[in-house]
N, C-alpha and C. Protein backbone atom coordinates (compact mmCIF):
# COMPACT_ATOMS: atom_id res chain seq x y z
N MET A 1 17.87 41.06 31.68
CA MET A 1 18.63 39.83 31.82
C MET A 1 17.83 38.84 32.65
N ALA A 2 17.93 37.60 32.32
CA ALA A 2 17.11 36.58 32.95
C ALA A 2 17.68 36.06 34.27
N ILE A 3 18.99 36.24 34.49
CA ILE A 3 19.58 35.78 35.75
C ILE A 3 19.87 37.01 36.60
N ARG A 4 19.35 37.02 37.81
CA ARG A 4 19.51 38.16 38.72
C ARG A 4 20.45 37.79 39.85
N ILE A 5 21.21 38.77 40.30
CA ILE A 5 22.10 38.61 41.44
C ILE A 5 21.47 39.36 42.61
N LEU A 6 21.17 38.64 43.68
CA LEU A 6 20.46 39.23 44.81
C LEU A 6 21.40 39.59 45.96
N LEU A 7 22.62 39.96 45.65
CA LEU A 7 23.59 40.27 46.68
C LEU A 7 23.17 41.48 47.50
N SER A 8 22.62 42.49 46.88
CA SER A 8 22.20 43.68 47.63
C SER A 8 21.12 43.32 48.66
N ARG A 9 20.20 42.47 48.28
CA ARG A 9 19.14 42.05 49.20
C ARG A 9 19.73 41.26 50.37
N LYS A 10 20.64 40.35 50.06
CA LYS A 10 21.25 39.51 51.10
C LYS A 10 22.06 40.35 52.08
N LEU A 11 22.86 41.27 51.56
CA LEU A 11 23.64 42.13 52.45
C LEU A 11 22.73 43.02 53.31
N GLY A 12 21.65 43.48 52.72
CA GLY A 12 20.68 44.29 53.48
C GLY A 12 20.05 43.50 54.62
N GLU A 13 19.75 42.23 54.37
CA GLU A 13 19.14 41.38 55.40
C GLU A 13 20.05 41.23 56.62
N ILE A 14 21.36 41.10 56.37
CA ILE A 14 22.28 40.88 57.49
C ILE A 14 22.98 42.17 57.92
N ARG A 15 22.63 43.27 57.27
CA ARG A 15 23.15 44.60 57.60
C ARG A 15 24.67 44.69 57.47
N TRP A 16 25.17 44.16 56.37
CA TRP A 16 26.58 44.28 56.02
C TRP A 16 26.72 45.27 54.88
N THR A 17 27.86 45.93 54.82
CA THR A 17 28.16 46.79 53.68
C THR A 17 28.95 45.99 52.64
N GLN A 18 29.08 46.59 51.47
CA GLN A 18 29.90 45.97 50.44
C GLN A 18 31.34 45.85 50.94
N ALA A 19 31.80 46.86 51.68
CA ALA A 19 33.17 46.83 52.21
C ALA A 19 33.36 45.69 53.20
N ASP A 20 32.34 45.42 54.04
CA ASP A 20 32.42 44.29 54.97
C ASP A 20 32.63 42.99 54.21
N LEU A 21 31.84 42.81 53.16
CA LEU A 21 31.93 41.58 52.36
C LEU A 21 33.28 41.48 51.65
N ALA A 22 33.75 42.58 51.11
CA ALA A 22 35.05 42.57 50.42
C ALA A 22 36.17 42.18 51.38
N ARG A 23 36.16 42.75 52.58
CA ARG A 23 37.20 42.43 53.58
C ARG A 23 37.15 40.96 53.98
N ARG A 24 35.98 40.42 54.18
CA ARG A 24 35.84 39.05 54.68
C ARG A 24 36.04 37.99 53.61
N THR A 25 35.86 38.35 52.35
CA THR A 25 36.04 37.37 51.27
C THR A 25 37.36 37.52 50.54
N GLY A 26 37.99 38.69 50.65
CA GLY A 26 39.21 38.95 49.89
C GLY A 26 38.94 39.28 48.43
N ILE A 27 37.69 39.57 48.10
CA ILE A 27 37.31 39.94 46.74
C ILE A 27 37.41 41.46 46.62
N ARG A 28 37.93 41.93 45.50
CA ARG A 28 38.09 43.37 45.31
C ARG A 28 36.76 44.10 45.48
N PRO A 29 36.80 45.26 46.14
CA PRO A 29 35.57 46.04 46.33
C PRO A 29 34.86 46.38 45.02
N SER A 30 35.60 46.64 43.95
CA SER A 30 34.95 46.97 42.67
C SER A 30 34.18 45.77 42.11
N THR A 31 34.70 44.57 42.35
CA THR A 31 34.00 43.35 41.90
C THR A 31 32.72 43.16 42.71
N ILE A 32 32.81 43.35 44.01
CA ILE A 32 31.62 43.27 44.88
C ILE A 32 30.59 44.30 44.43
N ASN A 33 31.04 45.51 44.13
CA ASN A 33 30.13 46.58 43.70
C ASN A 33 29.42 46.20 42.40
N ASP A 34 30.15 45.64 41.45
CA ASP A 34 29.53 45.23 40.19
C ASP A 34 28.47 44.16 40.42
N MET A 35 28.76 43.21 41.30
CA MET A 35 27.78 42.16 41.61
C MET A 35 26.59 42.76 42.36
N TYR A 36 26.85 43.64 43.29
CA TYR A 36 25.81 44.29 44.11
C TYR A 36 24.80 45.02 43.22
N HIS A 37 25.32 45.71 42.20
CA HIS A 37 24.46 46.49 41.31
C HIS A 37 24.06 45.73 40.05
N GLU A 38 24.35 44.42 40.01
CA GLU A 38 24.00 43.56 38.88
C GLU A 38 24.54 44.10 37.55
N MET A 39 25.77 44.59 37.58
CA MET A 39 26.38 45.15 36.38
C MET A 39 27.39 44.22 35.73
N CYS A 40 27.63 43.06 36.32
CA CYS A 40 28.64 42.16 35.76
C CYS A 40 28.00 41.21 34.74
N GLU A 41 28.80 40.84 33.75
CA GLU A 41 28.34 39.92 32.73
C GLU A 41 28.74 38.49 33.05
N ARG A 42 29.79 38.35 33.85
CA ARG A 42 30.28 37.02 34.25
C ARG A 42 30.49 37.03 35.75
N VAL A 43 30.31 35.86 36.34
CA VAL A 43 30.53 35.71 37.78
C VAL A 43 31.52 34.57 38.00
N ASN A 44 32.57 34.85 38.73
CA ASN A 44 33.58 33.86 39.04
C ASN A 44 33.01 32.86 40.06
N LEU A 45 33.08 31.57 39.74
CA LEU A 45 32.52 30.55 40.63
C LEU A 45 33.22 30.51 41.98
N GLU A 46 34.53 30.75 41.98
CA GLU A 46 35.25 30.79 43.25
C GLU A 46 34.74 31.93 44.13
N TYR A 47 34.43 33.07 43.52
CA TYR A 47 33.89 34.19 44.28
C TYR A 47 32.52 33.86 44.86
N LEU A 48 31.69 33.19 44.06
CA LEU A 48 30.38 32.78 44.58
C LEU A 48 30.55 31.83 45.76
N ASP A 49 31.51 30.93 45.66
CA ASP A 49 31.78 30.00 46.74
C ASP A 49 32.21 30.75 48.00
N ARG A 50 33.13 31.70 47.85
CA ARG A 50 33.57 32.50 49.00
C ARG A 50 32.42 33.27 49.64
N ILE A 51 31.61 33.90 48.80
CA ILE A 51 30.49 34.69 49.30
C ILE A 51 29.49 33.81 50.04
N CYS A 52 29.14 32.67 49.46
CA CYS A 52 28.21 31.75 50.12
C CYS A 52 28.76 31.26 51.46
N THR A 53 30.06 30.98 51.49
CA THR A 53 30.69 30.50 52.72
C THR A 53 30.65 31.57 53.80
N VAL A 54 31.05 32.79 53.46
CA VAL A 54 31.10 33.88 54.43
C VAL A 54 29.70 34.28 54.89
N LEU A 55 28.74 34.29 53.98
CA LEU A 55 27.38 34.67 54.34
C LEU A 55 26.57 33.50 54.89
N ASN A 56 27.17 32.30 54.85
CA ASN A 56 26.48 31.10 55.32
C ASN A 56 25.12 30.96 54.63
N CYS A 57 25.16 31.00 53.30
CA CYS A 57 23.92 30.91 52.54
C CYS A 57 24.08 29.94 51.38
N ASP A 58 22.99 29.63 50.74
CA ASP A 58 22.96 28.76 49.57
C ASP A 58 23.02 29.63 48.32
N ILE A 59 23.51 29.09 47.24
CA ILE A 59 23.62 29.82 45.98
C ILE A 59 22.27 30.34 45.51
N THR A 60 21.20 29.63 45.86
CA THR A 60 19.86 30.07 45.44
C THR A 60 19.42 31.33 46.15
N GLU A 61 20.12 31.72 47.21
CA GLU A 61 19.82 32.98 47.89
C GLU A 61 20.53 34.15 47.21
N LEU A 62 21.46 33.86 46.31
CA LEU A 62 22.22 34.90 45.62
C LEU A 62 21.86 35.03 44.15
N LEU A 63 21.53 33.91 43.51
CA LEU A 63 21.21 33.91 42.08
C LEU A 63 19.80 33.38 41.87
N VAL A 64 19.08 34.02 40.97
CA VAL A 64 17.74 33.56 40.65
C VAL A 64 17.51 33.73 39.14
N TYR A 65 16.84 32.75 38.56
CA TYR A 65 16.49 32.80 37.15
C TYR A 65 15.11 33.43 37.00
N ASP A 66 15.04 34.53 36.29
CA ASP A 66 13.80 35.25 36.05
C ASP A 66 13.52 35.21 34.55
N PRO A 67 12.75 34.20 34.10
CA PRO A 67 12.56 34.02 32.66
C PRO A 67 11.86 35.21 32.00
N PRO A 68 12.18 35.48 30.74
CA PRO A 68 11.52 36.58 30.02
C PRO A 68 10.03 36.30 29.85
N GLN A 69 9.26 37.36 29.68
CA GLN A 69 7.81 37.22 29.52
C GLN A 69 7.45 36.40 28.29
N ASN A 70 8.13 36.67 27.19
CA ASN A 70 7.81 35.99 25.94
C ASN A 70 8.99 35.11 25.53
N ARG A 71 9.06 33.92 26.07
CA ARG A 71 10.18 33.00 25.82
C ARG A 71 10.32 32.63 24.35
N GLU A 72 9.21 32.43 23.67
CA GLU A 72 9.26 32.01 22.26
C GLU A 72 9.93 33.08 21.40
N GLU A 73 9.64 34.34 21.67
CA GLU A 73 10.26 35.42 20.91
C GLU A 73 11.78 35.45 21.14
N VAL A 74 12.20 35.24 22.38
CA VAL A 74 13.61 35.23 22.71
C VAL A 74 14.31 34.05 22.02
N ILE A 75 13.69 32.87 22.06
CA ILE A 75 14.26 31.69 21.42
C ILE A 75 14.39 31.91 19.93
N THR A 76 13.39 32.48 19.29
CA THR A 76 13.43 32.76 17.87
C THR A 76 14.56 33.73 17.55
N THR A 77 14.73 34.76 18.37
CA THR A 77 15.79 35.75 18.16
C THR A 77 17.16 35.08 18.26
N TYR A 78 17.37 34.22 19.26
CA TYR A 78 18.65 33.53 19.43
C TYR A 78 18.95 32.62 18.25
N ARG A 79 17.95 32.00 17.70
CA ARG A 79 18.17 31.08 16.56
C ARG A 79 18.58 31.82 15.30
N LYS A 80 18.21 33.10 15.20
CA LYS A 80 18.54 33.89 14.02
C LYS A 80 19.97 34.41 14.08
N LEU A 81 20.59 34.40 15.23
CA LEU A 81 21.96 34.90 15.36
C LEU A 81 22.92 34.01 14.61
N PRO A 82 23.96 34.61 13.97
CA PRO A 82 24.92 33.80 13.20
C PRO A 82 25.75 32.91 14.06
């Protein structure tokens, strides 16, 4: 996937657990876990806002775009989809 969630890195930097973040943001622990392990397909913007506020960080510290090695091949594949 081209968009990465760096929540695990950020929590490691400040030495917080997933449970700490869930308690302070009011976000369900299972949702935090999915984001932590980059297993979610969608991210709620309100949750990102809460996380950034509680962690006192910018969105760019949590999300990063990591483009594929061969962009042309990916673009061609997407164009072939119905």
